[in-house]
N, C-alpha and C. Protein backbone atom coordinates (compact mmCIF):
# COMPACT_ATOMS: atom_id res chain seq x y z
N ARG A 1 2.33 43.37 34.33
CA ARG A 1 3.67 43.04 33.85
C ARG A 1 3.63 41.71 33.11
N SER A 2 4.41 41.64 32.06
CA SER A 2 4.39 40.44 31.24
C SER A 2 5.15 39.28 31.87
N ASP A 3 5.96 39.51 32.91
CA ASP A 3 6.72 38.42 33.52
C ASP A 3 5.99 37.81 34.73
N GLU A 4 4.79 38.31 35.06
CA GLU A 4 4.01 37.73 36.16
C GLU A 4 3.38 36.42 35.72
N PRO A 5 3.23 35.46 36.66
CA PRO A 5 2.58 34.20 36.29
C PRO A 5 1.17 34.46 35.75
N GLY A 6 0.88 33.89 34.60
CA GLY A 6 -0.45 34.05 34.01
C GLY A 6 -0.75 35.44 33.53
N ALA A 7 0.29 36.23 33.25
CA ALA A 7 0.11 37.64 32.90
C ALA A 7 -0.95 37.91 31.84
N PRO A 8 -0.98 37.19 30.73
CA PRO A 8 -2.01 37.53 29.74
C PRO A 8 -3.39 36.98 30.08
N PHE A 9 -3.48 36.20 31.15
CA PHE A 9 -4.74 35.56 31.48
C PHE A 9 -5.21 35.97 32.87
N PRO A 10 -6.20 36.86 32.96
CA PRO A 10 -6.63 37.36 34.27
C PRO A 10 -7.13 36.26 35.21
N LEU A 11 -7.76 35.22 34.68
CA LEU A 11 -8.25 34.15 35.56
C LEU A 11 -7.10 33.38 36.19
N VAL A 12 -6.00 33.22 35.46
CA VAL A 12 -4.83 32.55 36.02
C VAL A 12 -4.23 33.40 37.14
N ARG A 13 -4.18 34.69 36.93
CA ARG A 13 -3.68 35.60 37.98
C ARG A 13 -4.57 35.51 39.22
N GLU A 14 -5.89 35.52 39.01
CA GLU A 14 -6.83 35.44 40.12
C GLU A 14 -6.65 34.13 40.88
N ALA A 15 -6.47 33.04 40.15
CA ALA A 15 -6.29 31.73 40.79
C ALA A 15 -5.00 31.70 41.60
N ALA A 16 -3.95 32.28 41.09
CA ALA A 16 -2.67 32.30 41.81
C ALA A 16 -2.78 33.14 43.08
N ALA A 17 -3.56 34.20 43.02
CA ALA A 17 -3.69 35.10 44.17
C ALA A 17 -4.74 34.62 45.17
N ASN A 18 -5.67 33.78 44.74
CA ASN A 18 -6.78 33.41 45.59
C ASN A 18 -7.14 31.93 45.38
N PRO A 19 -6.54 31.03 46.16
CA PRO A 19 -6.84 29.60 45.98
C PRO A 19 -8.32 29.25 46.15
N GLN A 20 -9.07 30.04 46.89
CA GLN A 20 -10.50 29.77 47.04
C GLN A 20 -11.23 29.94 45.71
N PHE A 21 -10.67 30.76 44.84
CA PHE A 21 -11.24 30.94 43.51
C PHE A 21 -11.26 29.61 42.75
N ILE A 22 -10.16 28.84 42.86
CA ILE A 22 -10.08 27.53 42.21
C ILE A 22 -11.17 26.61 42.74
N LEU A 23 -11.35 26.60 44.05
CA LEU A 23 -12.38 25.76 44.66
C LEU A 23 -13.77 26.17 44.18
N ALA A 24 -14.03 27.47 44.14
CA ALA A 24 -15.34 27.95 43.67
C ALA A 24 -15.58 27.52 42.22
N CYS A 25 -14.56 27.62 41.38
CA CYS A 25 -14.70 27.19 39.98
C CYS A 25 -14.95 25.69 39.90
N ALA A 26 -14.22 24.91 40.68
CA ALA A 26 -14.39 23.46 40.65
C ALA A 26 -15.81 23.07 41.04
N ILE A 27 -16.34 23.73 42.07
CA ILE A 27 -17.70 23.43 42.51
C ILE A 27 -18.70 23.80 41.41
N LYS A 28 -18.51 24.95 40.79
CA LYS A 28 -19.41 25.38 39.71
C LYS A 28 -19.35 24.41 38.54
N PHE A 29 -18.14 24.01 38.14
CA PHE A 29 -18.01 23.07 37.03
C PHE A 29 -18.65 21.73 37.36
N ALA A 30 -18.49 21.28 38.58
CA ALA A 30 -19.11 20.01 38.99
C ALA A 30 -20.63 20.12 38.95
N ASP A 31 -21.12 21.30 39.27
CA ASP A 31 -22.57 21.52 39.30
C ASP A 31 -23.18 21.48 37.90
N VAL A 32 -22.52 22.07 36.93
CA VAL A 32 -23.10 22.18 35.59
C VAL A 32 -22.40 21.31 34.56
N GLY A 33 -21.39 20.56 34.96
CA GLY A 33 -20.61 19.78 34.02
C GLY A 33 -21.37 18.69 33.30
N HIS A 34 -22.45 18.21 33.88
CA HIS A 34 -23.19 17.13 33.23
C HIS A 34 -23.76 17.56 31.88
N ALA A 35 -23.89 18.85 31.67
CA ALA A 35 -24.42 19.33 30.39
C ALA A 35 -23.47 19.04 29.24
N LEU A 36 -22.22 18.73 29.54
CA LEU A 36 -21.24 18.43 28.50
C LEU A 36 -21.18 16.94 28.17
N LYS A 37 -21.90 16.14 28.90
CA LYS A 37 -21.92 14.69 28.66
C LYS A 37 -22.86 14.37 27.49
N PRO A 38 -22.80 13.16 26.97
CA PRO A 38 -23.77 12.77 25.94
C PRO A 38 -25.20 13.00 26.45
N PHE A 39 -26.09 13.32 25.51
CA PHE A 39 -27.43 13.76 25.90
C PHE A 39 -28.14 12.79 26.83
N ASP A 40 -28.06 11.47 26.58
CA ASP A 40 -28.78 10.53 27.43
C ASP A 40 -28.27 10.58 28.88
N GLN A 41 -26.97 10.75 29.05
CA GLN A 41 -26.43 10.87 30.41
C GLN A 41 -26.84 12.20 31.05
N HIS A 42 -26.76 13.27 30.27
CA HIS A 42 -27.18 14.59 30.77
C HIS A 42 -28.65 14.57 31.18
N HIS A 43 -29.50 13.98 30.34
CA HIS A 43 -30.93 13.93 30.62
C HIS A 43 -31.20 13.14 31.90
N ARG A 44 -30.55 12.00 32.04
CA ARG A 44 -30.75 11.18 33.25
C ARG A 44 -30.29 11.94 34.49
N TRP A 45 -29.14 12.59 34.40
CA TRP A 45 -28.63 13.37 35.54
C TRP A 45 -29.61 14.48 35.89
N SER A 46 -30.15 15.15 34.90
CA SER A 46 -31.12 16.21 35.14
C SER A 46 -32.36 15.67 35.84
N GLN A 47 -32.81 14.49 35.43
CA GLN A 47 -33.97 13.87 36.09
C GLN A 47 -33.67 13.56 37.56
N LEU A 48 -32.48 13.05 37.83
CA LEU A 48 -32.10 12.72 39.21
C LEU A 48 -32.03 13.97 40.08
N VAL A 49 -31.46 15.02 39.54
CA VAL A 49 -31.36 16.28 40.30
C VAL A 49 -32.74 16.86 40.56
N THR A 50 -33.60 16.81 39.54
CA THR A 50 -34.96 17.32 39.70
C THR A 50 -35.70 16.55 40.79
N GLU A 51 -35.57 15.23 40.77
CA GLU A 51 -36.23 14.42 41.81
C GLU A 51 -35.68 14.75 43.19
N GLU A 52 -34.37 14.98 43.28
CA GLU A 52 -33.77 15.36 44.57
C GLU A 52 -34.36 16.69 45.06
N PHE A 53 -34.47 17.67 44.17
CA PHE A 53 -35.07 18.96 44.54
C PHE A 53 -36.50 18.76 45.03
N TRP A 54 -37.27 17.96 44.30
CA TRP A 54 -38.66 17.75 44.68
C TRP A 54 -38.78 17.06 46.04
N LYS A 55 -37.89 16.14 46.34
CA LYS A 55 -37.90 15.49 47.65
C LYS A 55 -37.61 16.49 48.77
N ILE A 56 -36.71 17.43 48.48
CA ILE A 56 -36.44 18.49 49.45
C ILE A 56 -37.71 19.30 49.68
N GLY A 57 -38.39 19.66 48.58
CA GLY A 57 -39.64 20.42 48.68
C GLY A 57 -40.72 19.65 49.43
N ASP A 58 -40.81 18.35 49.18
CA ASP A 58 -41.79 17.52 49.90
C ASP A 58 -41.51 17.57 51.41
N ARG A 59 -40.25 17.48 51.76
CA ARG A 59 -39.87 17.50 53.18
C ARG A 59 -40.18 18.87 53.78
N GLU A 60 -39.89 19.93 53.04
CA GLU A 60 -40.18 21.27 53.54
C GLU A 60 -41.69 21.44 53.76
N LYS A 61 -42.50 20.95 52.83
CA LYS A 61 -43.95 21.02 53.00
C LYS A 61 -44.39 20.27 54.25
N SER A 62 -43.81 19.08 54.47
CA SER A 62 -44.21 18.28 55.62
C SER A 62 -43.82 18.95 56.94
N LEU A 63 -42.80 19.79 56.89
CA LEU A 63 -42.36 20.53 58.09
C LEU A 63 -43.09 21.86 58.25
N GLY A 64 -43.88 22.23 57.23
CA GLY A 64 -44.63 23.47 57.30
C GLY A 64 -43.79 24.72 57.06
N VAL A 65 -42.66 24.56 56.36
CA VAL A 65 -41.81 25.71 56.05
C VAL A 65 -41.96 26.04 54.57
N PRO A 66 -41.61 27.27 54.18
CA PRO A 66 -41.72 27.62 52.76
C PRO A 66 -40.88 26.69 51.89
N VAL A 67 -41.41 26.36 50.74
CA VAL A 67 -40.71 25.47 49.81
C VAL A 67 -39.67 26.27 49.04
N SER A 68 -38.46 25.75 48.98
CA SER A 68 -37.36 26.42 48.29
C SER A 68 -37.60 26.51 46.79
N PHE A 69 -36.92 27.45 46.16
CA PHE A 69 -36.97 27.68 44.72
C PHE A 69 -36.66 26.38 43.98
N LEU A 70 -37.48 26.02 42.99
CA LEU A 70 -37.36 24.84 42.14
C LEU A 70 -37.64 23.52 42.86
N CYS A 71 -38.16 23.57 44.07
CA CYS A 71 -38.37 22.34 44.84
C CYS A 71 -39.82 21.93 44.99
N ASP A 72 -40.74 22.63 44.35
CA ASP A 72 -42.15 22.28 44.46
C ASP A 72 -42.58 21.49 43.23
N ARG A 73 -42.80 20.19 43.40
CA ARG A 73 -43.13 19.32 42.27
C ARG A 73 -44.47 19.69 41.63
N ASN A 74 -45.31 20.47 42.32
CA ASN A 74 -46.60 20.87 41.76
C ASN A 74 -46.51 22.19 41.00
N VAL A 75 -45.41 22.90 41.14
CA VAL A 75 -45.24 24.19 40.49
C VAL A 75 -44.11 24.15 39.49
N ASP A 76 -42.97 23.62 39.90
CA ASP A 76 -41.75 23.63 39.10
C ASP A 76 -41.66 22.36 38.24
N THR A 77 -42.51 22.30 37.22
CA THR A 77 -42.58 21.08 36.42
C THR A 77 -41.81 21.18 35.10
N ASP A 78 -41.44 22.38 34.70
CA ASP A 78 -40.72 22.56 33.43
C ASP A 78 -39.29 22.97 33.73
N MET A 79 -38.47 22.01 34.10
CA MET A 79 -37.10 22.31 34.49
C MET A 79 -36.28 22.87 33.34
N ALA A 80 -36.63 22.55 32.10
CA ALA A 80 -35.88 23.06 30.96
C ALA A 80 -35.93 24.58 30.89
N LYS A 81 -37.01 25.17 31.41
CA LYS A 81 -37.14 26.62 31.39
C LYS A 81 -36.68 27.29 32.67
N SER A 82 -36.26 26.50 33.66
CA SER A 82 -35.86 27.10 34.93
C SER A 82 -34.43 27.58 34.90
């Protein structure tokens, strides 16, 4: 119906019906939003995230558990292709 809130926009309807949808979108945007920043800021943020992943992998190795995806600094060295 054209008189429903957000009628021509399905995402607006979904958001009105499901507040968790808004939260999921906000988390996703926060996760990938750095790609919209100037390149030097985006590049630095990517380096920080990569180092964080590698530290997680280092800890997993020290505990003797399988290393998570993208967390092995000896394998996952080309983050641009990941």
